[in-house]
Structures are given as C-alpha cells and as structure tokens.
Amino acid sequence: MGQSMRTWQSFFFSLVCVVCLLNITGCAGRPDVGGLLSNTAAAPGATSHTILVATTRAQDARPGTYFNGERSTDLNFASITVSVPPDHRSGNIEWPRSPPGNPEKDFVTRSGTYLPDEKRFIAELNQQLDQQPKGQRKVLLFVHGYNTLFAEGVYRFAQIVHDSHAPSVPVFFSWASRGRTLDYVYDTNSATIARDGLEHTIRLLAASHADEINVLAHSMGNWATVEAFRQIVISGDVPLRNKLGTVVLAAPDIDKDVFESEMRRIGKPKKPFLIIVSRDDRALGLSRFIAGGKERLGSSEDTAELTRLGAIVVDLSDVKGNDAANHGKFAQIAEIAPDLKEVLAQGIPDKEKDSAGGVVTKVLLLPAKAVTAPIRILSAN
C-alpha cells in the first residue's frame, strides 16, 4: 500500500471519528427545517430575547426555517424572538424534542419576521438602543462557526445572551454554513464569501445609535470576522475607532500564521482582543489535520506572539467541555462574562512570569457555579 493511500485512509478514519464526536446525539435531532416554528403559549418565568439577524444565507420559505445553508448574493435581515425556559441550566440549550417545543421546558421561538432591507434593520436596532440611556447603548454582534444550522446559531446566541445578562442589543451575523460535518470546504468558502457582508454589517452598526459594539466570533466565524476588520483597515475608513469595545475570538479556526499576518496588517488594537483557546479542542484537531498539520489559533500552545500582537489569551484547556469535541467551551463561561470583564479591567495578581518572553501568566478562579477549574489568562507585560 502506497504512502498516499495510507494518508487518505488515516484522514477518513480521523474524519469519521470526529463526525461521531460532533454529532454524538445524532443528526436526526438537529433543528433544520421548521426548527424555529413559533409557539406563543404562556410560560410563567420564561425569558424572551429579541435577536436581530443579518445573514448571507438564502431565504427559505418553509415554515419556521427562515434561512437555509445555501448562499445568497444579497445581505438578508430578520428579527427573531426566542424564549428561554425558567429552569434553564447555564451553558446548556434545552432543545425541544420536536418544534415548536414546550416554552415551560424548552428553548422556543416566540415570533419571527423578515426585515425587508437594511433601513428597516437599522430602524429596529435603533429602536432597541434608544431604550437605554445615552452612553450605555451597546450592541453584541455574534458570528457563529462551522457546521452550524441557522436555528442552532439563533438558539446558541440566545443562550449566550441569557446567561451573560448582556446589557446589549443582540445582533446575529449568520453566514451560509450547511450544518454538515463533511461540508468543511464549502463552509470555509462560505465564510470567506461572507466577509464583505460582515464588513457591511459592522459599518451599519457603527452608523447606528450604538455607543459601543462588542463582538463574539466562534470557530470558523473568526476567519470572516478578522478578514472583515482587515478590509475596514485597508479601506482607510475606520468607522469603529471610538465604538469598538471587546472583541472575543472563541476557538478560532484560523491558521496561526495567517492570523499573525492579518494582525500585523490591522495593527495593535486600541483594546486587546480576547482569544479563547483550548488545547483539547478535537474539532480544531481535525481542522489542523486537513490543513496539513498547520496549527490552528484556537488550540495554540505558543501564545507569546499573540500577546505581543495585542491579544489577551484566555486558556480553557483545564475546563471540562459540555460537548464531546470540546469545541463549545466559550458558551459555558457566558455566565461569568461580567466577572471576567471586571477582573480584566481591574487587573489580577501575577502568578507566573516569563521574563524572557515578556509574557505574564495570570490565574483566575471563577465561581464554582459556572466553572470549577482555573482559567489561565496570558497578557503582554
């Protein structure tokens, strides 16, 4: 047997293993067609969150679906209200066994509508922002990752918003992932195509009544996000200069060398990016295999260069993941996001120091209700 054949056999064996990990509960239970069917039944104690959507996905007319995994040449918009059940467990999504679910026990969609154009999108955004005092009008922009169905992204964002108690208007940017593990290349290309739409969305947010725009990107969504920032900088027109708040790159599926090249072009940000990494991320292990062994940013062990480029690295390697692939740990710490932000603002005592590399390692102990393991924080000296 030739070396080439053995390599391909190894690749497919690894791929099958990760497919099993990523879809451990079975594909039949994932919310695809009709996954966002509305349920308006009363549910005392449930909490609703209205999420504004900008997407490069194609519209899907089937009830409760809104958008599918195919690409659109236009940027589409929507508004979707999701209800979180009263007995929700932090970090978890209480998936309905079948749509539309039971609002007393499940995440359910309360209502949803397409928005005809960006003017209506901005009007809806400003209406929500204007409910807050000037100086406190914030937006949280979420960009999902690889292998994500539209309904999955909506519910995941609702979970993050709910658990973090984010005092922000939630805006979900969704690119055309097909939500199938074997469509990695398709998803990669979709994320690349989406960078223009994401750039335009960021510019819309910057032109709104928002005082601060915070960004959370996950997995492959980081590729589109960093590319969008790079395009904005290259254009010479930087609308976010005074509005950009915290940028969190969670489990970024980006070649580490590519990211360092992008950051050198973008320049050291005014406020450090937070990069969430975990060395036991199996999904990024597969991505590294596909990429010819090139290290992925989200599972990097060499973080010194990242801190010198203007990043704070949050290492979750010691935190036990809720998913078998350890790829969604960022969602588990949403509950302690305010504590993390406060600690980073105030500074925490140094526990270790690499004087040669100029990198300071800090250890943050978080509330036991959220995470029992320590989180390592690395920042430039």
Protein backbone atom coordinates (compact mmCIF):
# COMPACT_ATOMS: atom_id res chain seq x y z
CA MET A 1 0.00 0.00 0.00
CA GLY A 2 1.43 3.37 -1.02
CA GLN A 3 2.05 6.24 1.34
CA SER A 4 -0.64 8.32 -0.38
CA MET A 5 -3.30 5.64 0.18
CA ARG A 6 -2.33 5.26 3.85
CA THR A 7 -2.56 9.03 4.30
CA TRP A 8 -6.06 9.15 2.84
CA GLN A 9 -7.18 6.19 4.93
CA SER A 10 -5.86 7.93 8.03
CA PHE A 11 -7.67 11.10 7.03
CA PHE A 12 -11.03 9.39 6.54
CA PHE A 13 -10.64 7.43 9.80
CA SER A 14 -9.95 10.67 11.68
CA LEU A 15 -12.85 12.37 9.92
CA VAL A 16 -15.29 9.61 10.84
CA CYS A 17 -14.14 9.75 14.47
CA VAL A 18 -14.71 13.49 14.67
CA VAL A 19 -18.06 13.22 12.87
CA CYS A 20 -19.14 10.86 15.63
CA LEU A 21 -17.91 13.31 18.26
CA LEU A 22 -19.52 16.39 16.73
CA ASN A 23 -22.83 14.66 16.09
CA ILE A 24 -22.86 12.42 19.15
CA THR A 25 -26.60 12.91 19.68
CA GLY A 26 -27.45 12.03 16.10
CA CYS A 27 -28.21 14.22 13.13
CA ALA A 28 -31.94 13.50 13.32
CA GLY A 29 -32.28 15.67 16.42
CA ARG A 30 -30.73 18.81 14.92
CA PRO A 31 -33.13 21.71 14.26
CA ASP A 32 -33.13 22.11 10.48
CA VAL A 33 -36.37 22.52 8.50
CA GLY A 34 -39.03 24.03 10.75
CA GLY A 35 -36.60 24.33 13.65
CA LEU A 36 -37.90 27.81 14.50
CA LEU A 37 -41.65 27.21 14.37
CA SER A 38 -43.40 29.70 16.66
CA ASN A 39 -45.04 28.84 19.97
CA THR A 40 -46.85 31.65 21.80
CA ALA A 41 -48.20 29.57 24.70
CA ALA A 42 -47.89 31.14 28.15
CA ALA A 43 -44.90 30.07 30.26
CA PRO A 44 -44.55 31.85 33.62
CA GLY A 45 -40.91 32.53 34.43
CA ALA A 46 -39.65 32.14 30.85
CA THR A 47 -37.50 34.98 29.48
CA SER A 48 -37.63 36.29 25.91
CA HIS A 49 -34.79 37.78 23.88
CA THR A 50 -35.24 39.53 20.53
CA ILE A 51 -32.33 38.89 18.17
CA LEU A 52 -31.72 40.94 15.03
CA VAL A 53 -30.27 38.95 12.14
CA ALA A 54 -28.04 39.89 9.22
CA THR A 55 -27.14 36.94 7.02
CA THR A 56 -25.60 35.81 3.75
CA ARG A 57 -27.79 32.70 3.81
CA ALA A 58 -30.54 32.22 1.25
CA GLN A 59 -34.12 32.67 2.42
CA ASP A 60 -36.16 29.50 2.91
CA ALA A 61 -39.94 29.78 2.61
CA ARG A 62 -40.67 26.59 4.54
CA PRO A 63 -42.48 27.45 7.83
CA GLY A 64 -40.18 28.00 10.81
CA THR A 65 -37.00 27.76 8.73
CA TYR A 66 -36.28 31.35 7.59
CA PHE A 67 -32.83 30.63 6.09
CA ASN A 68 -31.02 27.52 4.85
CA GLY A 69 -27.39 26.63 4.17
CA GLU A 70 -27.18 27.95 0.62
CA ARG A 71 -25.52 31.25 -0.23
CA SER A 72 -27.29 34.48 -1.10
CA THR A 73 -25.75 37.23 -3.20
CA ASP A 74 -27.67 39.74 -1.07
CA LEU A 75 -27.44 40.51 2.62
CA ASN A 76 -30.74 39.46 4.21
CA PHE A 77 -32.26 40.60 7.50
CA ALA A 78 -34.70 39.27 10.10
CA SER A 79 -35.87 39.65 13.69
CA ILE A 80 -36.46 36.55 15.84
CA THR A 81 -37.63 36.38 19.46
CA VAL A 82 -36.53 33.34 21.47
CA SER A 83 -37.84 32.24 24.85
CA VAL A 84 -35.57 30.61 27.45
CA PRO A 85 -37.33 28.27 29.93
CA PRO A 86 -37.50 29.12 33.66
CA ASP A 87 -35.43 26.08 34.70
CA HIS A 88 -32.66 26.72 32.17
CA ARG A 89 -29.22 25.43 33.17
CA SER A 90 -26.33 27.80 32.41
CA GLY A 91 -24.25 26.82 29.38
CA ASN A 92 -26.96 24.49 28.10
CA ILE A 93 -29.60 24.71 25.38
CA GLU A 94 -32.79 22.91 26.35
CA TRP A 95 -33.60 21.65 22.86
CA PRO A 96 -37.22 20.78 22.08
CA ARG A 97 -37.71 17.17 21.06
CA SER A 98 -39.66 18.49 18.12
CA PRO A 99 -40.68 22.02 17.07
CA PRO A 100 -42.30 24.17 18.28
CA GLY A 101 -41.39 22.80 21.72
CA ASN A 102 -42.73 23.50 25.20
CA PRO A 103 -41.84 27.01 26.48
CA GLU A 104 -42.04 25.78 30.07
CA LYS A 105 -39.18 23.35 29.45
CA ASP A 106 -37.54 24.20 26.11
CA PHE A 107 -35.97 26.98 24.10
CA VAL A 108 -38.75 28.05 21.72
CA THR A 109 -39.28 30.69 19.08
CA ARG A 110 -41.95 33.18 20.08
CA SER A 111 -42.06 35.11 16.82
CA GLY A 112 -40.02 35.90 13.76
CA THR A 113 -40.18 38.09 10.69
CA TYR A 114 -38.07 39.02 7.71
CA LEU A 115 -36.91 42.62 7.58
CA PRO A 116 -37.18 43.96 4.01
CA ASP A 117 -33.92 45.92 3.87
CA GLU A 118 -31.07 47.45 5.85
CA LYS A 119 -33.06 50.61 6.57
CA ARG A 120 -35.64 48.57 8.46
CA PHE A 121 -32.84 46.63 10.16
CA ILE A 122 -31.23 49.86 11.39
CA ALA A 123 -34.61 51.25 12.45
CA GLU A 124 -35.29 48.14 14.56
CA LEU A 125 -31.78 48.31 16.01
CA ASN A 126 -32.05 52.00 16.90
CA GLN A 127 -35.46 51.47 18.47
CA GLN A 128 -33.95 48.92 20.88
CA LEU A 129 -30.83 51.01 21.51
CA ASP A 130 -32.87 54.12 22.30
CA GLN A 131 -34.48 52.30 25.23
CA GLN A 132 -31.12 52.67 27.02
CA PRO A 133 -29.58 55.95 28.29
CA LYS A 134 -27.01 57.64 26.07
CA GLY A 135 -23.54 56.34 26.80
CA GLN A 136 -24.91 52.88 27.65
CA ARG A 137 -26.23 51.85 24.25
CA LYS A 138 -24.39 48.66 23.40
CA VAL A 139 -24.54 46.03 20.65
CA LEU A 140 -23.32 42.44 20.94
CA LEU A 141 -22.50 41.02 17.50
CA PHE A 142 -22.20 37.22 17.31
CA VAL A 143 -20.68 35.32 14.37
CA HIS A 144 -21.19 31.55 14.51
CA GLY A 145 -18.80 28.80 13.47
CA TYR A 146 -18.51 25.80 11.17
CA ASN A 147 -21.18 23.10 10.89
CA THR A 148 -23.96 25.33 12.21
CA LEU A 149 -27.58 25.27 11.09
CA PHE A 150 -29.39 28.59 11.22
CA ALA A 151 -31.68 27.58 14.08
CA GLU A 152 -28.70 26.24 16.04
CA GLY A 153 -26.93 29.57 15.75
CA VAL A 154 -30.02 31.50 16.85
CA TYR A 155 -30.57 29.32 19.93
CA ARG A 156 -26.87 29.31 20.85
CA PHE A 157 -26.81 33.10 20.73
CA ALA A 158 -29.97 33.29 22.83
CA GLN A 159 -28.27 31.07 25.43
CA ILE A 160 -25.18 33.29 25.49
CA VAL A 161 -27.23 36.48 25.80
CA HIS A 162 -29.36 34.99 28.57
CA ASP A 163 -26.51 33.51 30.61
CA SER A 164 -24.26 36.55 30.34
CA HIS A 165 -27.04 39.01 31.23
CA ALA A 166 -25.54 41.15 28.48
CA PRO A 167 -26.99 44.70 28.62
CA SER A 168 -26.74 44.86 24.83
CA VAL A 169 -28.89 44.61 21.75
CA PRO A 170 -28.07 41.17 20.27
CA VAL A 171 -27.21 41.09 16.56
CA PHE A 172 -26.56 37.72 14.92
CA PHE A 173 -24.46 37.57 11.75
CA SER A 174 -25.03 34.20 10.10
CA TRP A 175 -23.07 33.00 7.09
CA ALA A 176 -24.04 30.10 4.84
CA SER A 177 -22.92 27.02 6.73
CA ARG A 178 -24.67 23.87 5.53
CA GLY A 179 -24.54 22.36 9.00
CA ARG A 180 -22.92 19.16 7.75
CA THR A 181 -19.57 17.93 9.03
CA LEU A 182 -18.42 16.73 5.62
CA ASP A 183 -19.01 20.18 4.09
CA TYR A 184 -15.91 21.70 5.69
CA VAL A 185 -14.58 23.09 2.41
CA TYR A 186 -17.99 24.51 1.47
CA ASP A 187 -18.22 26.19 4.87
CA THR A 188 -14.71 27.59 4.56
CA ASN A 189 -15.59 29.16 1.21
CA SER A 190 -18.91 30.45 2.57
CA ALA A 191 -17.13 32.14 5.47
CA THR A 192 -14.72 33.75 3.02
CA ILE A 193 -17.55 34.99 0.81
CA ALA A 194 -19.34 36.36 3.90
CA ARG A 195 -16.55 38.76 4.87
CA ASP A 196 -17.98 41.51 2.62
CA GLY A 197 -21.43 41.10 4.14
CA LEU A 198 -19.96 41.12 7.62
CA GLU A 199 -17.93 44.23 6.87
CA HIS A 200 -21.09 45.97 5.67
CA THR A 201 -22.97 44.83 8.79
CA ILE A 202 -20.22 46.22 11.03
CA ARG A 203 -20.43 49.54 9.18
CA LEU A 204 -24.21 49.59 9.68
CA LEU A 205 -23.73 49.01 13.41
CA ALA A 206 -21.12 51.76 13.56
CA ALA A 207 -23.55 54.18 11.88
CA SER A 208 -26.35 53.32 14.31
CA HIS A 209 -27.12 54.91 17.69
CA ALA A 210 -24.80 52.40 19.40
CA ASP A 211 -22.18 53.80 21.77
CA GLU A 212 -20.27 50.52 21.94
CA ILE A 213 -20.04 47.48 19.67
CA ASN A 214 -18.80 44.23 21.20
CA VAL A 215 -18.01 41.23 19.02
CA LEU A 216 -18.04 37.49 19.74
CA ALA A 217 -16.93 35.13 16.97
CA HIS A 218 -16.69 31.35 17.19
CA SER A 219 -14.66 28.78 15.29
CA MET A 220 -14.63 29.41 11.52
CA GLY A 221 -16.62 32.60 12.06
CA ASN A 222 -13.37 34.13 13.28
CA TRP A 223 -11.94 33.90 9.76
CA ALA A 224 -14.73 36.09 8.36
CA THR A 225 -14.51 38.43 11.35
CA VAL A 226 -10.78 39.11 11.24
CA GLU A 227 -10.90 39.44 7.45
CA ALA A 228 -13.71 42.00 7.78
CA PHE A 229 -11.64 44.02 10.24
CA ARG A 230 -8.67 43.81 7.89
CA GLN A 231 -10.76 45.08 4.96
CA ILE A 232 -12.03 48.00 7.02
CA VAL A 233 -8.48 48.99 7.97
CA ILE A 234 -7.22 48.68 4.38
CA SER A 235 -10.05 50.91 3.15
CA GLY A 236 -8.69 53.71 5.30
CA ASP A 237 -12.19 54.42 6.60
CA VAL A 238 -12.33 53.10 10.15
CA PRO A 239 -15.85 53.74 11.49
CA LEU A 240 -15.26 51.72 14.67
CA ARG A 241 -12.40 53.75 16.06
CA ASN A 242 -14.37 55.11 19.01
CA LYS A 243 -17.13 52.48 19.19
CA LEU A 244 -15.36 49.13 19.18
CA GLY A 245 -15.50 47.51 22.61
CA THR A 246 -14.49 43.96 23.48
CA VAL A 247 -13.65 41.55 20.64
CA VAL A 248 -13.71 37.88 21.67
CA LEU A 249 -12.30 35.27 19.27
CA ALA A 250 -13.52 31.93 20.67
CA ALA A 251 -11.89 28.67 19.49
CA PRO A 252 -10.76 30.42 16.29
CA ASP A 253 -10.36 28.06 13.33
CA ILE A 254 -7.66 30.14 11.65
CA ASP A 255 -4.15 29.19 10.63
CA LYS A 256 -1.98 30.77 13.34
CA ASP A 257 0.49 32.15 10.78
CA VAL A 258 -2.38 33.67 8.78
CA PHE A 259 -3.80 35.32 11.88
CA GLU A 260 -0.45 36.82 12.83
CA SER A 261 -0.14 38.17 9.28
CA GLU A 262 -3.65 39.67 9.49
CA MET A 263 -2.93 41.30 12.83
CA ARG A 264 0.26 42.87 11.57
CA ARG A 265 -1.84 44.46 8.80
CA ILE A 266 -4.64 45.50 11.16
CA GLY A 267 -2.21 46.83 13.74
CA LYS A 268 -2.30 46.58 17.50
CA PRO A 269 -5.90 47.22 18.55
CA LYS A 270 -6.74 50.03 20.95
CA LYS A 271 -8.34 47.44 23.22
CA PRO A 272 -6.76 43.95 23.29
CA PHE A 273 -8.62 41.13 21.54
CA LEU A 274 -9.57 38.23 23.82
CA ILE A 275 -8.63 34.90 22.24
CA ILE A 276 -10.20 31.83 23.87
CA VAL A 277 -8.09 28.71 23.33
CA SER A 278 -8.20 25.10 24.45
CA ARG A 279 -5.51 22.55 23.64
CA ASP A 280 -8.00 19.64 23.81
CA ASP A 281 -10.31 21.00 21.09
CA ARG A 282 -10.89 17.94 18.89
CA ALA A 283 -12.69 19.85 16.14
CA LEU A 284 -9.66 22.09 15.70
CA GLY A 285 -7.50 18.98 15.74
CA LEU A 286 -9.34 17.77 12.64
CA SER A 287 -9.00 21.19 11.04
CA ARG A 288 -5.27 21.08 11.68
CA PHE A 289 -5.10 17.66 10.00
CA ILE A 290 -6.98 18.93 6.95
CA ALA A 291 -4.67 21.96 6.82
CA GLY A 292 -1.56 19.82 6.52
CA GLY A 293 -0.62 19.95 10.18
CA LYS A 294 -0.64 23.75 10.47
CA GLU A 295 -1.56 24.86 13.97
CA ARG A 296 -4.98 26.43 14.49
CA LEU A 297 -5.18 29.59 16.54
CA GLY A 298 -7.81 28.19 18.92
CA SER A 299 -5.66 25.26 20.04
CA SER A 300 -2.31 27.04 20.00
CA GLU A 301 0.25 26.27 22.69
CA ASP A 302 2.54 29.14 21.69
CA THR A 303 0.76 32.26 22.85
CA ALA A 304 3.67 34.66 23.35
CA GLU A 305 3.44 36.08 19.83
CA LEU A 306 -0.33 36.54 20.19
CA THR A 307 0.10 38.70 23.27
CA ARG A 308 2.74 40.79 21.53
CA LEU A 309 0.27 41.41 18.70
CA GLY A 310 -2.16 42.91 21.17
CA ALA A 311 -4.22 39.97 22.42
CA ILE A 312 -5.17 38.60 25.82
CA VAL A 313 -5.27 34.81 25.71
CA VAL A 314 -7.87 33.00 27.84
CA ASP A 315 -6.86 29.35 28.16
CA LEU A 316 -9.74 26.94 28.90
CA SER A 317 -7.69 23.76 28.49
CA ASP A 318 -8.35 22.73 32.11
CA VAL A 319 -12.10 23.34 31.85
CA LYS A 320 -14.25 20.29 31.11
CA GLY A 321 -16.35 20.78 27.99
CA ASN A 322 -20.07 20.04 27.70
CA ASP A 323 -19.65 18.78 24.13
CA ALA A 324 -17.61 15.73 23.19
CA ALA A 325 -15.39 17.71 20.83
CA ASN A 326 -14.55 20.39 23.46
CA HIS A 327 -15.29 22.99 20.80
CA GLY A 328 -18.04 24.94 22.57
CA LYS A 329 -16.44 25.82 25.90
CA PHE A 330 -16.89 29.54 25.23
CA ALA A 331 -20.66 29.13 25.68
CA GLN A 332 -20.16 27.56 29.12
CA ILE A 333 -18.44 30.64 30.54
CA ALA A 334 -21.06 33.12 29.34
CA GLU A 335 -22.49 33.22 32.86
CA ILE A 336 -19.26 34.58 34.30
CA ALA A 337 -18.58 37.02 31.42
CA PRO A 338 -19.34 40.06 33.63
CA ASP A 339 -16.89 38.77 36.28
CA LEU A 340 -14.25 38.12 33.63
CA LYS A 341 -14.69 41.60 32.17
CA GLU A 342 -14.47 43.23 35.59
CA VAL A 343 -11.35 41.28 36.55
CA LEU A 344 -9.61 42.13 33.29
CA ALA A 345 -10.45 45.80 33.77
CA GLN A 346 -9.10 45.86 37.31
CA GLY A 347 -6.15 43.54 36.78
CA ILE A 348 -5.31 40.42 38.78
CA PRO A 349 -2.15 39.37 40.61
CA ASP A 350 0.61 37.73 38.57
CA LYS A 351 1.11 34.06 39.39
CA GLU A 352 3.86 33.30 36.91
CA LYS A 353 6.12 35.40 34.75
CA ASP A 354 8.18 34.54 31.69
CA SER A 355 10.75 37.31 31.87
CA ALA A 356 12.49 36.18 28.68
CA GLY A 357 9.35 36.31 26.54
CA GLY A 358 7.82 39.28 28.34
CA VAL A 359 4.55 37.37 28.82
CA VAL A 360 2.72 37.41 32.12
CA THR A 361 0.54 34.42 33.06
CA LYS A 362 -2.33 35.13 35.42
CA VAL A 363 -4.69 32.64 37.02
CA LEU A 364 -8.33 33.50 37.50
CA LEU A 365 -10.55 31.42 39.77
CA LEU A 366 -14.19 31.68 38.77
CA PRO A 367 -17.41 30.99 40.70
CA ALA A 368 -17.95 27.26 41.24
CA LYS A 369 -21.49 27.55 39.89
CA ALA A 370 -20.01 28.15 36.44
CA VAL A 371 -16.54 26.60 36.18
CA THR A 372 -14.58 24.73 38.84
CA ALA A 373 -11.22 24.66 37.05
CA PRO A 374 -8.87 27.65 36.93
CA ILE A 375 -8.69 29.72 33.77
CA ARG A 376 -5.25 30.89 32.71
CA ILE A 377 -5.01 34.41 31.31
CA LEU A 378 -1.94 35.45 29.35
CA SER A 379 -1.24 39.07 28.54
CA ALA A 380 1.65 41.22 27.44
CA ASN A 381 3.86 42.63 30.17
